[in-house]
Amino acid sequence: MIEVRSDGGGVSFRTKGDANEDPDPQPVAASNVVGVVAFHIPLIGHVVSFAGSDLGIVVFVILPAVGLAVGEVYDLYREATADGDGGDG
């Protein structure tokens, strides 16, 4: 949806497909729109927008990957230097 129009004939919507550069030629009347809000997550758009930024990639991808790698290396080191019979646990 590009725009919501309100005029004497009611509410209509200007739409544009994802693969189209130009908007659709005819507006869609509100009576022709079918949809129900199933649930709402406040401010989730800000999180999604942040995740697409360079800093978001670092926070949501790079840091968890580094943390996982460090944790695995620590576990391997701890197992290799553990005293005992060398069994599990």
C-alpha atoms as a PDB file:
ATOM      1  CA  MET A   1       0.000   0.000   0.000  1.00  0.00           C
ATOM      2  CA  ILE A   2       1.309   3.396  -0.934  1.00  0.00           C
ATOM      3  CA  GLU A   3      -1.421   5.759   0.170  1.00  0.00           C
ATOM      4  CA  VAL A   4      -4.820   5.882   1.867  1.00  0.00           C
ATOM      5  CA  ARG A   5      -7.269   8.236   0.199  1.00  0.00           C
ATOM      6  CA  SER A   6     -10.436   9.545   1.773  1.00  0.00           C
ATOM      7  CA  ASP A   7     -12.854  11.369  -0.467  1.00  0.00           C
ATOM      8  CA  GLY A   8     -16.608  11.741  -0.988  1.00  0.00           C
ATOM      9  CA  GLY A   9     -16.855   8.158  -2.281  1.00  0.00           C
ATOM     10  CA  GLY A  10     -15.254   6.633   0.832  1.00  0.00           C
ATOM     11  CA  VAL A  11     -11.840   5.298   1.638  1.00  0.00           C
ATOM     12  CA  SER A  12      -9.604   3.784  -1.041  1.00  0.00           C
ATOM     13  CA  PHE A  13      -6.028   2.553  -1.174  1.00  0.00           C
ATOM     14  CA  ARG A  14      -3.295   3.082  -3.746  1.00  0.00           C
ATOM     15  CA  THR A  15      -1.281  -0.101  -4.077  1.00  0.00           C
ATOM     16  CA  LYS A  16       1.929  -1.208  -5.757  1.00  0.00           C
ATOM     17  CA  GLY A  17       3.256  -4.701  -6.228  1.00  0.00           C
ATOM     18  CA  ASP A  18       6.708  -5.625  -4.926  1.00  0.00           C
ATOM     19  CA  ALA A  19       8.071  -6.247  -8.422  1.00  0.00           C
ATOM     20  CA  ASN A  20       6.484  -3.140  -9.975  1.00  0.00           C
ATOM     21  CA  GLU A  21       8.090   0.251 -10.260  1.00  0.00           C
ATOM     22  CA  ASP A  22       4.805   2.087 -10.809  1.00  0.00           C
ATOM     23  CA  PRO A  23       1.685   2.051  -8.637  1.00  0.00           C
ATOM     24  CA  ASP A  24      -1.364   0.118  -9.765  1.00  0.00           C
ATOM     25  CA  PRO A  25      -3.536   2.224 -12.107  1.00  0.00           C
ATOM     26  CA  GLN A  26      -6.795   1.979 -10.136  1.00  0.00           C
ATOM     27  CA  PRO A  27      -7.234   2.539  -6.399  1.00  0.00           C
ATOM     28  CA  VAL A  28      -8.767  -0.300  -4.381  1.00  0.00           C
ATOM     29  CA  ALA A  29     -11.982   0.505  -2.504  1.00  0.00           C
ATOM     30  CA  ALA A  30     -12.001  -0.285   1.216  1.00  0.00           C
ATOM     31  CA  SER A  31     -14.963  -2.586   0.668  1.00  0.00           C
ATOM     32  CA  ASN A  32     -12.769  -4.761  -1.596  1.00  0.00           C
ATOM     33  CA  VAL A  33     -10.043  -5.219   1.005  1.00  0.00           C
ATOM     34  CA  VAL A  34     -10.267  -8.414   3.028  1.00  0.00           C
ATOM     35  CA  GLY A  35      -8.096  -8.752   6.077  1.00  0.00           C
ATOM     36  CA  VAL A  36      -8.117  -9.159   9.819  1.00  0.00           C
ATOM     37  CA  VAL A  37      -5.383  -8.282  12.273  1.00  0.00           C
ATOM     38  CA  ALA A  38      -4.471 -11.577  13.940  1.00  0.00           C
ATOM     39  CA  PHE A  39      -2.023 -10.097  16.459  1.00  0.00           C
ATOM     40  CA  HIS A  40       0.046  -6.991  16.976  1.00  0.00           C
ATOM     41  CA  ILE A  41       3.605  -6.643  18.268  1.00  0.00           C
ATOM     42  CA  PRO A  42       4.268  -3.026  19.232  1.00  0.00           C
ATOM     43  CA  LEU A  43       7.452  -1.428  17.858  1.00  0.00           C
ATOM     44  CA  ILE A  44       8.630  -4.611  16.072  1.00  0.00           C
ATOM     45  CA  GLY A  45       9.266  -2.543  12.962  1.00  0.00           C
ATOM     46  CA  HIS A  46      12.059  -0.722  14.760  1.00  0.00           C
ATOM     47  CA  VAL A  47      13.733  -4.039  15.612  1.00  0.00           C
ATOM     48  CA  VAL A  48      13.413  -5.282  12.025  1.00  0.00           C
ATOM     49  CA  SER A  49      14.803  -2.015  10.686  1.00  0.00           C
ATOM     50  CA  PHE A  50      17.722  -2.173  13.147  1.00  0.00           C
ATOM     51  CA  ALA A  51      18.431  -5.794  12.224  1.00  0.00           C
ATOM     52  CA  GLY A  52      18.885  -4.754   8.597  1.00  0.00           C
ATOM     53  CA  SER A  53      21.530  -2.161   9.484  1.00  0.00           C
ATOM     54  CA  ASP A  54      25.272  -2.835   9.727  1.00  0.00           C
ATOM     55  CA  LEU A  55      25.177  -2.570  13.518  1.00  0.00           C
ATOM     56  CA  GLY A  56      22.158  -4.877  13.611  1.00  0.00           C
ATOM     57  CA  ILE A  57      24.056  -7.542  11.653  1.00  0.00           C
ATOM     58  CA  VAL A  58      26.873  -7.313  14.191  1.00  0.00           C
ATOM     59  CA  VAL A  59      24.507  -7.483  17.185  1.00  0.00           C
ATOM     60  CA  PHE A  60      22.208 -10.246  15.918  1.00  0.00           C
ATOM     61  CA  VAL A  61      24.620 -12.386  13.843  1.00  0.00           C
ATOM     62  CA  ILE A  62      28.316 -11.752  14.489  1.00  0.00           C
ATOM     63  CA  LEU A  63      28.268 -11.442  18.305  1.00  0.00           C
ATOM     64  CA  PRO A  64      26.155 -14.581  18.876  1.00  0.00           C
ATOM     65  CA  ALA A  65      28.364 -16.551  16.460  1.00  0.00           C
ATOM     66  CA  VAL A  66      31.516 -15.400  18.247  1.00  0.00           C
ATOM     67  CA  GLY A  67      29.955 -16.209  21.634  1.00  0.00           C
ATOM     68  CA  LEU A  68      29.013 -19.690  20.452  1.00  0.00           C
ATOM     69  CA  ALA A  69      32.515 -20.309  19.070  1.00  0.00           C
ATOM     70  CA  VAL A  70      34.178 -19.080  22.269  1.00  0.00           C
ATOM     71  CA  GLY A  71      31.891 -21.263  24.367  1.00  0.00           C
ATOM     72  CA  GLU A  72      32.694 -24.344  22.284  1.00  0.00           C
ATOM     73  CA  VAL A  73      36.445 -23.695  22.455  1.00  0.00           C
ATOM     74  CA  TYR A  74      36.182 -23.241  26.231  1.00  0.00           C
ATOM     75  CA  ASP A  75      34.275 -26.530  26.588  1.00  0.00           C
ATOM     76  CA  LEU A  76      36.868 -28.357  24.476  1.00  0.00           C
ATOM     77  CA  TYR A  77      39.701 -26.854  26.529  1.00  0.00           C
ATOM     78  CA  ARG A  78      37.985 -27.769  29.802  1.00  0.00           C
ATOM     79  CA  GLU A  79      37.476 -31.368  28.673  1.00  0.00           C
ATOM     80  CA  ALA A  80      41.085 -31.657  27.471  1.00  0.00           C
ATOM     81  CA  THR A  81      42.534 -30.409  30.760  1.00  0.00           C
ATOM     82  CA  ALA A  82      40.106 -32.187  33.119  1.00  0.00           C
ATOM     83  CA  ASP A  83      41.621 -34.488  35.740  1.00  0.00           C
ATOM     84  CA  GLY A  84      40.133 -37.910  36.186  1.00  0.00           C
ATOM     85  CA  ASP A  85      39.462 -41.030  34.208  1.00  0.00           C
ATOM     86  CA  GLY A  86      38.818 -39.232  30.928  1.00  0.00           C
ATOM     87  CA  GLY A  87      35.202 -40.419  30.748  1.00  0.00           C
ATOM     88  CA  ASP A  88      32.110 -38.350  30.117  1.00  0.00           C
ATOM     89  CA  GLY A  89      31.362 -35.844  32.793  1.00  0.00           C
END
